Amino acid sequence: MHNPLVPPHAPPNIRQPMTCRSRKEATAARHIMNLLARVMVVLILASASLAHAQTTMMNSGWTKSAGQSQNGANPKFKFTLPSTQTVTIDLMSSVDTYLYLLNSNSVVLYRDDDSGDGFNSRLTVTLSAGTYYIVAATYSTDQSGRFTLSTTGGSLGWCFVGYEHANYGGIAYQFCSGGPFPSHSSWNDKISSFRVPKGMMVRAFEHADGSGVARTYYADVPYVGPLYNDITSALSWDSFAENGFAMAMVSDPQFAWTYCKDSSSSTKCSDERNAYPNWSAESLSRLYNGRMRDTINNVKNVLGDAAFGGVIVNGDLTEFGDQDADLGDYVANYEHGLKANVYLGLGNHDYANNVDDCSFNHCANSMVSYHKAQVGTLNPVSFDYGENGGDHAGSLGYSWEIGDVHFVQLNNYPTYTRSWSGFNFSEWRTDYFYITSAIAWLRTDLQNAAARGKKIILNWHDWAQVQDNAEVLAILRDFPVIAVFAGHRHELFGLTGFSGDGTNVPIFHSGSAHYGTFLVTRFFDNKMYVWMMEINQLGDGSLRIVHPNTDERIPVSNLTDKFDVCTGCTQYYKYVIDMNAR
């Protein structure tokens, strides 16, 4: 489903310099756009009557093309003509292109190699009114790069494909903007992998009404993971702002932590006791994290699904791992409560502190198992984990990509190592866990990312543990790392310093749930913009943004316009990092 108010070449909420619209007109348009996006996101694909965008240009790309094939990994687009006309179709890229035009039954009508400029493809044909499909292919296989597809008439729409089996096997279910769609019964609870073109997002829901667990995909997905395999019952899709998307950076939800657990003699603890007399730690933590969840969902709603890439949680999901209600509270609040992907990392409280401190090491074992299962649903580029019977080995580090940004989650800290064992009652055996340093895996992962031209964001829980580590500093020196985001220190918030030994990588801390602090980042035109957000946790729960110049906390009742980055906009972001400087 394509939002008719968001053309793929104009990301939502990124107003360009010299705009001709008034602020009132722009604000009204965004209100309409976001209202439509929220209504449309729970689409059940039972009707083909939906409108699609009237656009004659699409920007996309190949990760690993299938050469001169009209099937497989090559992106496919719906092309609609309202009347008989002569049209020119151009496929333009730095890669040697190959172009197909198919009829409504996906039978090839025309093809072209180099009729455009250079090695670009062009077709000029007279067509009757109707539905056609265009395949953007390449002359050679295994090509990567971006392309622009344009037509002189008609309209273009996105297509993606769900597959019955992993690795794009079995029955293929094609979905295109405006339909027609395969019958719901044919694909309901049967999808294991997806082909998703660059510049597009697909959100898959567990239930037909758009409820239950969900995942958003921004690229091809060879396997949706064991937890999400064969459970998709509803889908929505749109263009995605690869240039201009945002992420929320969070740390230390730490169910069930409070100010008084930081220090029982602190002023913050006294304020907490006065604000919430006789509240349990569990109740306070649910209040603090519930406000965090609701605020981040509000940020996502303002930006829209087409410009929000998810939430990164940098460790200490819990106070004691899978003990008492801690993990269950985290899952309900973040994994099920946030309406976006959650890229989780483990902190010292989740597993390190619980080794040999919980019966059968259940608290640590369960957190590793939970982490492994969740990562499997996030379409990772790489995951440093292996399992052989009861042996579990690796750093648990993983990476993923959105647009040109390569994110890495390194959990507690990159060089953390630990071994332990615990009894597995479900398999009636002893399991062994070997947490290894991430450095060797990380270097290989970043070499591959840098070779693809990606900018790199690193995440882990405790920066201080490795701030002087030679191996970590060498990583920061050798690769285009834009920033490190960390947690652990509950009171630290914002840009807290730079890495040493001449590496000068910005280090950001996100604070914690009970402090009510988190960061919003936005990646636009090779710059990373950072907003500092603070919830009044010891008061009415209202949101404040840290003023970019004075550090004053500015009360915010409406987030509209607050994440704009353009000439003439009121500035609310605190920092701007030049991603080309690395």
Protein backbone atom coordinates (compact mmCIF):
# COMPACT_ATOMS: atom_id res chain seq x y z
CA MET A 1 0.00 0.00 0.00
CA HIS A 2 1.43 3.32 -1.01
CA ASN A 3 0.53 6.50 0.84
CA PRO A 4 -0.69 8.86 -1.91
CA LEU A 5 0.64 11.90 -0.05
CA VAL A 6 4.22 10.64 0.25
CA PRO A 7 5.97 10.33 -3.13
CA PRO A 8 9.06 8.11 -2.91
CA HIS A 9 11.43 10.94 -3.86
CA ALA A 10 10.22 13.31 -1.11
CA PRO A 11 10.68 11.85 2.40
CA PRO A 12 8.00 12.95 4.87
CA ASN A 13 8.78 15.73 7.37
CA ILE A 14 12.06 16.76 5.71
CA ARG A 15 11.25 20.17 4.33
CA GLN A 16 13.70 21.29 1.73
CA PRO A 17 15.19 24.81 1.59
CA MET A 18 13.27 27.43 -0.40
CA THR A 19 9.94 25.67 0.10
CA CYS A 20 7.06 27.56 -1.51
CA ARG A 21 4.46 26.36 0.98
CA SER A 22 3.57 28.34 4.07
CA ARG A 23 4.20 26.78 7.48
CA LYS A 24 0.43 26.52 8.01
CA GLU A 25 -0.03 24.70 4.70
CA ALA A 26 2.90 22.39 5.37
CA THR A 27 1.66 21.60 8.87
CA ALA A 28 -1.85 20.85 7.63
CA ALA A 29 -0.47 18.56 4.92
CA ARG A 30 1.61 16.66 7.45
CA HIS A 31 -1.40 16.24 9.76
CA ILE A 32 -3.37 14.73 6.88
CA MET A 33 -0.46 12.55 5.81
CA ASN A 34 0.18 11.15 9.28
CA LEU A 35 -3.51 10.55 9.92
CA LEU A 36 -3.71 8.56 6.69
CA ALA A 37 -0.57 6.63 7.56
CA ARG A 38 -1.96 5.63 10.96
CA VAL A 39 -5.25 4.55 9.45
CA MET A 40 -3.63 2.66 6.60
CA VAL A 41 -1.00 0.82 8.61
CA VAL A 42 -3.44 -1.88 9.71
CA LEU A 43 -4.53 -2.71 6.20
CA ILE A 44 -5.83 -6.19 5.64
CA LEU A 45 -5.15 -7.21 2.08
CA ALA A 46 -8.65 -8.31 1.15
CA SER A 47 -9.41 -5.54 -1.35
CA ALA A 48 -7.76 -4.23 -4.48
CA SER A 49 -9.55 -0.89 -4.44
CA LEU A 50 -6.84 1.14 -2.70
CA ALA A 51 -5.41 4.23 -4.36
CA HIS A 52 -1.73 4.35 -5.20
CA ALA A 53 0.66 7.22 -5.77
CA GLN A 54 0.59 8.96 -9.12
CA THR A 55 4.32 9.14 -9.75
CA THR A 56 6.43 8.71 -12.85
CA MET A 57 9.76 8.25 -11.04
CA MET A 58 11.02 5.68 -8.50
CA ASN A 59 14.40 5.52 -6.79
CA SER A 60 15.61 2.10 -5.67
CA GLY A 61 18.63 -0.16 -6.00
CA TRP A 62 20.14 -3.63 -6.08
CA THR A 63 21.97 -5.33 -3.23
CA LYS A 64 22.85 -8.41 -5.28
CA SER A 65 21.15 -8.38 -8.66
CA ALA A 66 19.99 -11.43 -10.61
CA GLY A 67 21.44 -10.24 -13.91
CA GLN A 68 19.20 -10.44 -17.01
CA SER A 69 16.29 -12.04 -15.21
CA GLN A 70 12.74 -10.79 -14.85
CA ASN A 71 12.41 -12.80 -11.64
CA GLY A 72 14.21 -13.20 -8.34
CA ALA A 73 16.30 -10.45 -6.80
CA ASN A 74 15.60 -7.80 -9.44
CA PRO A 75 13.08 -5.14 -8.31
CA LYS A 76 9.67 -5.13 -9.97
CA PHE A 77 7.28 -2.19 -10.30
CA LYS A 78 3.65 -1.85 -11.29
CA PHE A 79 3.05 0.47 -14.26
CA THR A 80 -0.49 1.74 -14.89
CA LEU A 81 -1.70 3.58 -18.00
CA PRO A 82 -5.13 5.28 -17.95
CA SER A 83 -5.31 5.56 -21.77
CA THR A 84 -3.51 4.51 -24.92
CA GLN A 85 -0.29 6.51 -25.31
CA THR A 86 3.34 6.40 -26.35
CA VAL A 87 5.64 6.33 -23.35
CA THR A 88 9.38 6.31 -22.77
CA ILE A 89 10.71 4.22 -19.88
CA ASP A 90 14.25 4.95 -18.63
CA LEU A 91 16.34 2.87 -16.23
CA MET A 92 19.38 4.91 -15.17
CA SER A 93 22.27 3.83 -12.95
CA SER A 94 26.05 3.72 -12.68
CA VAL A 95 25.57 -0.05 -13.07
CA ASP A 96 25.07 -1.52 -16.58
CA THR A 97 21.26 -1.91 -16.65
CA TYR A 98 18.78 -4.23 -18.36
CA LEU A 99 15.08 -3.40 -18.64
CA TYR A 100 11.93 -5.50 -19.03
CA LEU A 101 8.34 -4.50 -19.71
CA LEU A 102 5.79 -7.22 -18.87
CA ASN A 103 2.06 -7.46 -19.43
CA SER A 104 -0.49 -7.92 -16.63
CA ASN A 105 0.25 -11.66 -16.62
CA SER A 106 3.99 -10.99 -16.23
CA VAL A 107 4.76 -12.13 -19.78
CA VAL A 108 7.67 -10.23 -21.39
CA LEU A 109 6.54 -7.70 -24.02
CA TYR A 110 9.75 -5.71 -24.53
CA ARG A 111 13.30 -5.69 -23.23
CA ASP A 112 16.29 -3.38 -23.63
CA ASP A 113 19.96 -3.25 -22.76
CA ASP A 114 21.70 -0.01 -23.79
CA SER A 115 19.27 2.21 -25.72
CA GLY A 116 19.59 4.96 -23.11
CA ASP A 117 22.61 7.12 -22.41
CA GLY A 118 25.80 5.13 -21.92
CA PHE A 119 24.93 1.71 -20.50
CA ASN A 120 21.45 2.79 -19.40
CA SER A 121 18.26 1.17 -20.71
CA ARG A 122 15.36 2.85 -22.54
CA LEU A 123 12.12 1.70 -24.12
CA THR A 124 9.82 3.90 -26.21
CA VAL A 125 6.59 2.05 -26.94
CA THR A 126 2.91 2.66 -27.65
CA LEU A 127 0.69 0.86 -25.14
CA SER A 128 -3.04 0.57 -24.61
CA ALA A 129 -4.65 1.42 -21.26
CA GLY A 130 -4.06 -1.17 -18.57
CA THR A 131 -1.68 -2.64 -16.01
CA TYR A 132 1.91 -3.57 -16.83
CA TYR A 133 5.02 -4.47 -14.84
CA ILE A 134 8.58 -3.18 -15.19
CA VAL A 135 11.60 -5.16 -14.01
CA ALA A 136 14.82 -3.27 -13.23
CA ALA A 137 17.55 -5.77 -14.07
CA THR A 138 21.30 -5.62 -14.72
CA TYR A 139 23.41 -6.88 -17.60
CA SER A 140 25.64 -8.91 -15.25
CA THR A 141 24.74 -10.83 -12.09
CA ASP A 142 25.58 -9.93 -8.48
CA GLN A 143 25.59 -6.17 -9.06
CA SER A 144 24.92 -3.58 -6.35
CA GLY A 145 24.04 0.07 -6.72
CA ARG A 146 21.21 2.56 -6.95
CA PHE A 147 18.99 3.32 -9.92
CA THR A 148 16.24 5.68 -11.03
CA LEU A 149 13.27 4.38 -13.00
CA SER A 150 11.20 6.99 -14.84
CA THR A 151 8.33 7.07 -17.33
CA THR A 152 6.88 9.88 -19.45
CA GLY A 153 3.30 8.84 -18.68
CA GLY A 154 1.14 6.65 -16.50
CA SER A 155 2.06 5.91 -12.89
CA LEU A 156 4.52 3.66 -11.07
CA GLY A 157 3.92 1.70 -7.90
CA TRP A 158 5.92 -0.57 -5.62
CA CYS A 159 5.83 -4.36 -5.75
CA PHE A 160 7.25 -6.85 -3.27
CA VAL A 161 7.06 -10.61 -2.94
CA GLY A 162 6.44 -12.93 0.01
CA TYR A 163 7.61 -16.53 -0.24
CA GLU A 164 6.31 -19.76 1.20
CA HIS A 165 9.76 -20.96 2.28
CA ALA A 166 13.01 -19.46 3.53
CA ASN A 167 15.57 -18.22 1.00
CA TYR A 168 12.80 -17.22 -1.43
CA GLY A 169 11.61 -20.75 -2.06
CA GLY A 170 8.20 -22.27 -2.67
CA ILE A 171 5.13 -20.34 -3.76
CA ALA A 172 5.67 -16.61 -4.48
CA TYR A 173 2.95 -14.15 -3.42
CA GLN A 174 3.21 -10.82 -5.27
CA PHE A 175 1.83 -7.63 -3.73
CA CYS A 176 1.76 -4.34 -5.66
CA SER A 177 0.40 -0.88 -4.94
CA GLY A 178 -3.31 -0.77 -5.77
CA GLY A 179 -3.58 -4.54 -6.32
CA PRO A 180 -4.58 -7.00 -7.51
CA PHE A 181 -3.57 -9.01 -4.45
CA PRO A 182 -3.39 -12.77 -3.95
CA SER A 183 -6.31 -14.11 -1.93
CA HIS A 184 -5.79 -13.78 1.81
CA SER A 185 -6.29 -17.49 2.40
CA SER A 186 -3.52 -18.34 -0.07
CA TRP A 187 -0.76 -16.63 1.95
CA ASN A 188 -2.16 -16.25 5.47
CA ASP A 189 0.28 -17.79 8.00
CA LYS A 190 2.47 -19.10 5.16
CA ILE A 191 5.24 -16.52 4.58
CA SER A 192 8.87 -17.29 5.48
CA SER A 193 10.87 -14.77 3.41
CA PHE A 194 10.43 -11.52 1.47
CA ARG A 195 11.89 -9.65 -1.48
CA VAL A 196 11.67 -5.94 -0.62
CA PRO A 197 13.15 -3.33 -3.02
CA LYS A 198 15.41 -0.61 -1.69
CA GLY A 199 13.52 2.56 -0.85
CA MET A 200 10.49 0.60 0.34
CA MET A 201 9.26 -0.64 3.73
CA VAL A 202 7.01 -3.63 4.39
CA ARG A 203 5.40 -4.22 7.79
CA ALA A 204 4.16 -7.73 8.56
CA PHE A 205 1.55 -8.25 11.31
CA GLU A 206 0.69 -11.36 13.27
CA HIS A 207 -3.08 -10.90 13.16
CA ALA A 208 -5.50 -9.90 10.41
CA ASP A 209 -6.57 -6.76 12.27
CA GLY A 210 -2.98 -5.49 12.46
CA SER A 211 -2.50 -6.50 16.09
CA GLY A 212 -0.02 -8.86 17.72
CA VAL A 213 3.70 -8.84 17.07
CA ALA A 214 5.01 -7.15 13.93
CA ARG A 215 8.23 -6.52 12.06
CA THR A 216 9.22 -3.90 9.50
CA TYR A 217 11.56 -4.84 6.66
CA TYR A 218 13.65 -2.44 4.55
CA ALA A 219 15.47 -4.94 2.35
CA ASP A 220 15.30 -8.55 1.18
CA VAL A 221 14.65 -10.97 4.05
CA PRO A 222 15.95 -14.51 3.45
CA TYR A 223 14.24 -15.75 6.62
CA VAL A 224 11.89 -13.97 9.00
CA GLY A 225 13.17 -16.06 11.92
CA PRO A 226 11.63 -18.92 13.90
CA LEU A 227 9.42 -16.63 16.00
CA TYR A 228 7.85 -14.97 12.94
CA ASN A 229 7.83 -17.88 10.53
CA ASP A 230 4.37 -18.66 9.12
CA ILE A 231 2.49 -16.16 11.32
CA THR A 232 1.96 -13.18 8.97
CA SER A 233 -1.73 -12.37 8.53
CA ALA A 234 -1.67 -8.70 7.44
CA LEU A 235 0.71 -6.44 5.55
CA SER A 236 1.20 -2.75 4.92
CA TRP A 237 3.80 -0.98 2.82
CA ASP A 238 5.02 2.39 1.64
CA SER A 239 8.03 4.25 0.36
CA PHE A 240 10.76 4.62 3.00
CA ALA A 241 12.93 7.69 3.54
CA GLU A 242 16.38 6.12 3.28
CA ASN A 243 17.63 9.71 3.16
CA GLY A 244 15.97 11.19 6.23
CA PHE A 245 14.94 8.30 8.46
CA ALA A 246 15.08 8.51 12.25
CA MET A 247 15.93 6.16 15.10
CA ALA A 248 15.24 6.40 18.83
CA MET A 249 18.23 5.61 21.06
CA VAL A 250 17.30 4.24 24.50
CA SER A 251 19.20 2.57 27.30
CA ASP A 252 18.57 1.05 30.71
CA PRO A 253 14.84 0.32 30.88
CA GLN A 254 16.09 -1.90 33.70
CA PHE A 255 12.86 -3.29 35.11
CA ALA A 256 12.50 -2.74 38.08
CA TRP A 257 15.03 0.06 38.77
CA THR A 258 14.34 3.38 40.45
CA TYR A 259 16.13 6.55 41.57
CA CYS A 260 16.33 5.13 45.09
CA LYS A 261 18.19 2.08 43.79
CA ASP A 262 20.76 4.45 42.28
CA SER A 263 21.27 5.95 45.73
CA SER A 264 18.94 5.82 48.73
CA SER A 265 20.48 9.02 50.13
CA SER A 266 20.19 11.14 47.00
CA THR A 267 17.92 14.13 46.46
CA LYS A 268 16.38 12.28 43.51
CA CYS A 269 15.42 9.42 45.83
CA SER A 270 13.73 11.85 48.24
CA ASP A 271 11.87 13.48 45.36
CA GLU A 272 10.78 10.06 44.12
CA ARG A 273 9.45 9.04 47.53
CA ASN A 274 7.57 12.31 47.86
CA ALA A 275 6.10 12.06 44.36
CA TYR A 276 5.10 8.40 44.68
CA PRO A 277 4.72 7.47 48.36
CA ASN A 278 4.48 3.75 49.06
CA TRP A 279 4.89 2.75 45.41
CA SER A 280 6.75 -0.51 44.81
CA ALA A 281 9.83 -0.59 42.60
CA GLU A 282 7.91 -2.69 40.08
CA SER A 283 5.07 -0.15 39.89
CA LEU A 284 7.46 2.77 39.53
CA SER A 285 9.43 1.05 36.79
CA ARG A 286 6.25 0.25 34.88
CA LEU A 287 5.20 3.88 35.15
CA TYR A 288 8.58 5.22 33.99
CA ASN A 289 8.91 2.76 31.11
CA GLY A 290 5.27 3.11 30.10
CA ARG A 291 5.80 6.84 29.65
CA MET A 292 8.95 6.13 27.65
CA ARG A 293 7.05 3.70 25.40
CA ASP A 294 4.16 6.11 24.82
CA THR A 295 6.49 9.03 24.07
CA ILE A 296 8.54 7.05 21.55
CA ASN A 297 5.35 5.85 19.86
CA ASN A 298 4.31 9.49 19.63
CA VAL A 299 7.65 10.37 18.02
CA LYS A 300 7.11 7.56 15.51
CA ASN A 301 3.56 8.72 14.76
CA VAL A 302 4.74 12.27 14.07
CA LEU A 303 7.55 11.14 11.79
CA GLY A 304 5.40 8.45 10.18
CA ASP A 305 6.25 4.83 9.44
CA ALA A 306 7.95 5.96 6.22
CA ALA A 307 10.64 7.86 8.16
CA PHE A 308 11.07 5.87 11.40
CA GLY A 309 13.55 3.00 11.42
CA GLY A 310 13.05 1.67 14.93
CA VAL A 311 14.32 1.78 18.50
CA ILE A 312 17.79 0.77 19.71
CA VAL A 313 17.92 -0.34 23.36
CA ASN A 314 21.52 -0.36 24.59
CA GLY A 315 21.44 -2.79 27.45
CA ASP A 316 20.11 -3.42 30.91
CA LEU A 317 16.65 -4.42 29.78
CA THR A 318 16.20 -5.81 33.29
CA GLU A 319 17.57 -5.57 36.80
CA PHE A 320 18.20 -9.30 37.27
CA GLY A 321 17.67 -10.94 33.91
CA ASP A 322 14.81 -13.42 33.69
CA GLN A 323 13.92 -13.18 37.37
CA ASP A 324 10.62 -12.18 38.94
CA ALA A 325 8.58 -10.13 36.44
CA ASP A 326 11.51 -8.20 34.97
CA LEU A 327 11.81 -9.81 31.53
CA GLY A 328 8.06 -10.17 31.14
CA ASP A 329 7.63 -6.46 31.91
CA TYR A 330 10.27 -5.56 29.32
CA VAL A 331 8.65 -7.75 26.65
CA ALA A 332 5.17 -6.33 27.28
CA ASN A 333 6.35 -2.72 27.34
CA TYR A 334 8.96 -2.62 24.57
CA GLU A 335 8.80 -5.71 22.37
CA HIS A 336 5.00 -5.68 22.23
CA GLY A 337 4.30 -2.06 23.19
CA LEU A 338 6.50 -0.16 20.74
CA LYS A 339 5.04 0.07 17.24
CA ALA A 340 8.41 -0.35 15.53
CA ASN A 341 11.38 -2.72 15.38
CA VAL A 342 13.33 -2.97 18.64
CA TYR A 343 17.06 -3.62 18.21
CA LEU A 344 17.99 -4.86 21.67
CA GLY A 345 21.32 -5.30 23.39
CA LEU A 346 22.14 -7.01 26.68
CA GLY A 347 23.80 -5.13 29.54
CA ASN A 348 25.63 -6.29 32.65
CA HIS A 349 22.38 -6.57 34.63
CA ASP A 350 20.87 -8.84 32.00
CA TYR A 351 23.48 -11.59 32.00
CA ALA A 352 26.94 -10.68 33.33
CA ASN A 353 25.80 -9.97 36.90
CA ASN A 354 23.65 -13.09 37.05
CA VAL A 355 26.23 -15.77 36.37
CA ASP A 356 26.50 -18.03 39.44
CA ASP A 357 23.95 -15.79 41.18
CA CYS A 358 20.70 -17.47 40.15
CA SER A 359 19.63 -21.12 40.41
CA PHE A 360 21.00 -23.19 37.51
CA ASN A 361 22.08 -19.85 36.00
CA HIS A 362 18.52 -19.59 34.73
CA CYS A 363 18.51 -15.76 34.82
CA ALA A 364 21.50 -15.45 32.47
CA ASN A 365 20.63 -18.45 30.27
CA SER A 366 17.14 -17.19 29.56
CA MET A 367 18.36 -13.72 28.61
CA VAL A 368 20.80 -15.15 26.06
CA SER A 369 18.04 -17.36 24.63
CA TYR A 370 15.62 -14.43 24.45
CA HIS A 371 18.23 -12.24 22.77
CA LYS A 372 19.06 -14.94 20.20
CA ALA A 373 15.41 -15.44 19.31
CA GLN A 374 14.75 -11.71 18.87
CA VAL A 375 17.83 -11.11 16.71
CA GLY A 376 16.61 -13.87 14.41
CA THR A 377 13.53 -11.75 13.59
CA LEU A 378 15.46 -8.54 12.76
CA ASN A 379 16.96 -9.55 9.40
CA PRO A 380 20.56 -9.19 10.62
CA VAL A 381 23.40 -8.73 8.16
CA SER A 382 25.60 -10.79 10.48
CA PHE A 383 25.15 -12.42 13.91
CA ASP A 384 28.10 -13.60 16.01
CA TYR A 385 26.43 -16.61 17.55
CA GLY A 386 26.56 -20.35 16.98
CA GLU A 387 24.76 -23.26 18.57
CA ASN A 388 25.70 -26.93 18.58
CA GLY A 389 23.45 -29.04 20.75
CA GLY A 390 23.85 -27.59 24.21
CA ASP A 391 26.85 -25.42 23.35
CA HIS A 392 26.19 -21.70 22.77
CA ALA A 393 29.14 -19.62 21.56
CA GLY A 394 29.84 -16.12 20.28
CA SER A 395 29.82 -12.49 21.36
CA LEU A 396 26.08 -12.09 20.57
CA GLY A 397 26.99 -9.06 18.46
CA TYR A 398 24.88 -8.44 15.38
CA SER A 399 24.50 -5.89 12.60
CA TRP A 400 21.71 -4.59 10.39
CA GLU A 401 21.34 -1.94 7.72
CA ILE A 402 18.82 0.74 6.86
CA GLY A 403 19.65 2.67 3.72
CA ASP A 404 23.33 3.61 3.76
CA VAL A 405 23.75 3.22 7.52
CA HIS A 406 25.24 0.07 9.04
CA PHE A 407 24.27 -0.41 12.69
CA VAL A 408 26.03 -2.79 15.08
CA GLN A 409 24.81 -3.93 18.50
CA LEU A 410 27.66 -5.17 20.72
CA ASN A 411 25.76 -5.75 23.98
CA ASN A 412 27.66 -5.31 27.26
CA TYR A 413 30.91 -4.12 25.61
CA PRO A 414 32.98 -5.40 22.66
CA THR A 415 35.68 -7.28 24.57
CA TYR A 416 33.41 -8.86 27.20
CA THR A 417 34.04 -12.59 27.77
CA ARG A 418 32.47 -15.08 30.17
CA SER A 419 31.72 -18.80 30.36
CA TRP A 420 29.13 -20.64 32.43
CA SER A 421 26.80 -23.62 32.39
CA GLY A 422 23.22 -24.19 33.44
CA PHE A 423 20.68 -26.94 33.36
CA ASN A 424 18.20 -26.90 30.47
CA PHE A 425 15.03 -28.46 31.86
CA SER A 426 13.16 -28.44 28.54
CA GLU A 427 15.90 -30.58 26.92
CA TRP A 428 16.97 -32.26 30.18
CA ARG A 429 20.64 -31.50 29.67
CA THR A 430 23.38 -29.13 30.81
CA ASP A 431 23.93 -26.22 28.42
CA TYR A 432 27.27 -24.42 28.14
CA PHE A 433 27.62 -20.74 27.26
CA TYR A 434 30.84 -19.24 25.90
CA ILE A 435 30.61 -15.46 25.46
CA THR A 436 33.60 -14.40 23.38
CA SER A 437 35.16 -11.08 22.44
CA ALA A 438 33.46 -9.42 19.48
CA ILE A 439 36.62 -7.82 18.07
CA ALA A 440 37.50 -10.37 15.36
CA TRP A 441 33.89 -10.70 14.19
CA LEU A 442 33.41 -6.92 14.33
CA ARG A 443 36.46 -6.21 12.19
CA THR A 444 35.20 -8.57 9.46
CA ASP A 445 31.68 -7.16 9.67
CA LEU A 446 32.92 -3.58 9.34
CA GLN A 447 35.30 -4.42 6.51
CA ASN A 448 32.33 -5.74 4.53
CA ALA A 449 30.17 -2.74 5.43
CA ALA A 450 32.89 -0.25 4.46
CA ALA A 451 33.39 -2.05 1.14
CA ARG A 452 29.67 -1.43 0.44
CA GLY A 453 30.12 2.27 1.20
CA LYS A 454 28.13 2.20 4.45
CA LYS A 455 28.40 4.66 7.33
CA ILE A 456 28.71 2.92 10.69
CA ILE A 457 26.97 3.41 14.03
CA LEU A 458 28.21 1.29 16.96
CA ASN A 459 26.13 0.52 20.04
CA TRP A 460 26.98 -1.11 23.34
CA HIS A 461 26.10 -0.79 26.97
CA ASP A 462 29.20 0.28 28.93
CA TRP A 463 31.54 2.66 27.08
CA ALA A 464 33.84 3.19 30.07
CA GLN A 465 34.88 -0.48 30.14
CA VAL A 466 36.74 -0.13 26.82
CA GLN A 467 37.37 3.58 26.37
CA ASP A 468 41.14 3.00 26.57
CA ASN A 469 41.19 -0.45 24.97
CA ALA A 470 43.70 -0.62 22.10
CA GLU A 471 41.63 -3.09 20.05
CA VAL A 472 38.51 -0.94 20.31
CA LEU A 473 40.39 2.25 19.46
CA ALA A 474 41.92 0.50 16.46
CA ILE A 475 38.40 -0.33 15.24
CA LEU A 476 37.39 3.31 15.59
CA ARG A 477 40.49 4.39 13.71
CA ASP A 478 40.26 1.90 10.86
CA PHE A 479 36.60 2.24 9.87
CA PRO A 480 34.12 5.06 9.10
CA VAL A 481 32.45 4.97 12.52
CA ILE A 482 30.17 8.01 12.83
CA ALA A 483 29.35 7.64 16.53
CA VAL A 484 29.12 5.28 19.49
CA PHE A 485 25.89 5.12 21.51
CA ALA A 486 26.00 3.72 25.03
CA GLY A 487 24.12 3.46 28.32
CA HIS A 488 24.97 2.11 31.80
CA ARG A 489 25.48 5.50 33.43
CA HIS A 490 21.88 6.45 34.15
CA GLU A 491 22.55 10.15 34.60
CA LEU A 492 24.66 10.62 31.44
CA PHE A 493 22.73 12.12 28.57
CA GLY A 494 23.72 13.52 25.18
CA LEU A 495 27.20 13.98 23.73
CA THR A 496 29.47 13.01 26.63
CA GLY A 497 32.87 13.06 24.95
CA PHE A 498 35.05 11.74 22.14
CA SER A 499 37.11 8.60 21.82
CA GLY A 500 40.82 8.96 22.52
CA ASP A 501 44.17 8.28 20.87
CA GLY A 502 43.36 10.62 17.99
CA THR A 503 40.23 8.73 16.88
CA ASN A 504 37.79 11.49 17.95
CA VAL A 505 34.58 9.52 17.48
CA PRO A 506 31.59 11.18 19.24
CA ILE A 507 30.30 9.21 22.25
CA PHE A 508 26.63 9.59 23.11
CA HIS A 509 24.78 8.35 26.19
CA SER A 510 21.01 7.89 26.24
CA GLY A 511 20.38 8.12 29.98
CA SER A 512 17.77 5.74 31.40
CA ALA A 513 14.06 5.12 31.73
CA HIS A 514 13.73 6.41 35.29
CA TYR A 515 15.55 9.62 34.30
CA GLY A 516 13.13 9.80 31.37
CA THR A 517 15.87 10.52 28.84
CA PHE A 518 16.45 9.27 25.32
CA LEU A 519 17.84 10.49 22.00
CA VAL A 520 16.32 10.79 18.54
CA THR A 521 18.72 10.63 15.60
CA ARG A 522 17.98 11.49 12.00
CA PHE A 523 20.18 10.65 9.02
CA PHE A 524 19.78 13.18 6.21
CA ASP A 525 22.11 14.36 3.42
CA ASN A 526 25.18 12.71 5.01
CA LYS A 527 24.56 14.36 8.36
CA MET A 528 23.35 12.85 11.61
CA TYR A 529 21.07 15.14 13.62
CA VAL A 530 20.53 14.38 17.31
CA TRP A 531 17.69 15.54 19.57
CA MET A 532 17.79 15.26 23.38
CA MET A 533 14.40 14.25 24.79
CA GLU A 534 13.45 14.23 28.47
CA ILE A 535 10.25 13.05 30.20
CA ASN A 536 9.34 14.66 33.52
CA GLN A 537 9.26 11.39 35.44
CA LEU A 538 8.94 12.93 38.91
CA GLY A 539 6.08 15.14 37.76
CA ASP A 540 3.28 14.94 35.26
CA GLY A 541 5.14 12.85 32.69
CA SER A 542 5.26 15.70 30.16
CA LEU A 543 7.90 15.78 27.45
CA ARG A 544 10.68 18.34 27.16
CA ILE A 545 13.33 18.91 24.50
CA VAL A 546 16.76 20.19 25.49
CA HIS A 547 17.33 23.59 23.89
CA PRO A 548 20.18 23.42 21.34
CA ASN A 549 21.95 26.50 22.68
CA THR A 550 20.99 27.05 26.30
CA ASP A 551 20.36 23.47 27.56
CA GLU A 552 17.02 24.75 28.87
CA ARG A 553 14.29 22.08 29.01
CA ILE A 554 11.56 23.26 26.63
CA PRO A 555 8.07 21.83 27.37
CA VAL A 556 6.58 20.21 24.28
CA SER A 557 2.89 19.40 23.93
CA ASN A 558 2.99 18.84 20.17
CA LEU A 559 5.92 17.28 18.31
CA THR A 560 4.86 18.52 14.87
CA ASP A 561 7.77 20.38 13.20
CA LYS A 562 10.16 19.46 16.03
CA PHE A 563 12.12 17.02 13.86
CA ASP A 564 12.37 19.24 10.78
CA VAL A 565 15.82 19.86 9.34
CA CYS A 566 15.73 22.62 6.75
CA THR A 567 16.78 26.18 6.07
CA GLY A 568 14.49 28.53 7.99
CA CYS A 569 13.13 25.88 10.36
CA THR A 570 13.19 26.45 14.10
CA GLN A 571 16.08 24.32 15.34
CA TYR A 572 15.30 21.75 18.01
CA TYR A 573 18.12 19.29 17.35
CA LYS A 574 21.07 19.60 19.70
CA TYR A 575 23.94 18.18 17.61
CA VAL A 576 24.86 17.74 13.94
CA ILE A 577 27.54 15.21 12.98
CA ASP A 578 29.05 15.30 9.48
CA MET A 579 29.05 11.68 8.30
CA ASN A 580 31.50 12.47 5.51
CA ALA A 581 34.14 13.55 8.04
CA ARG A 582 34.96 9.90 8.70
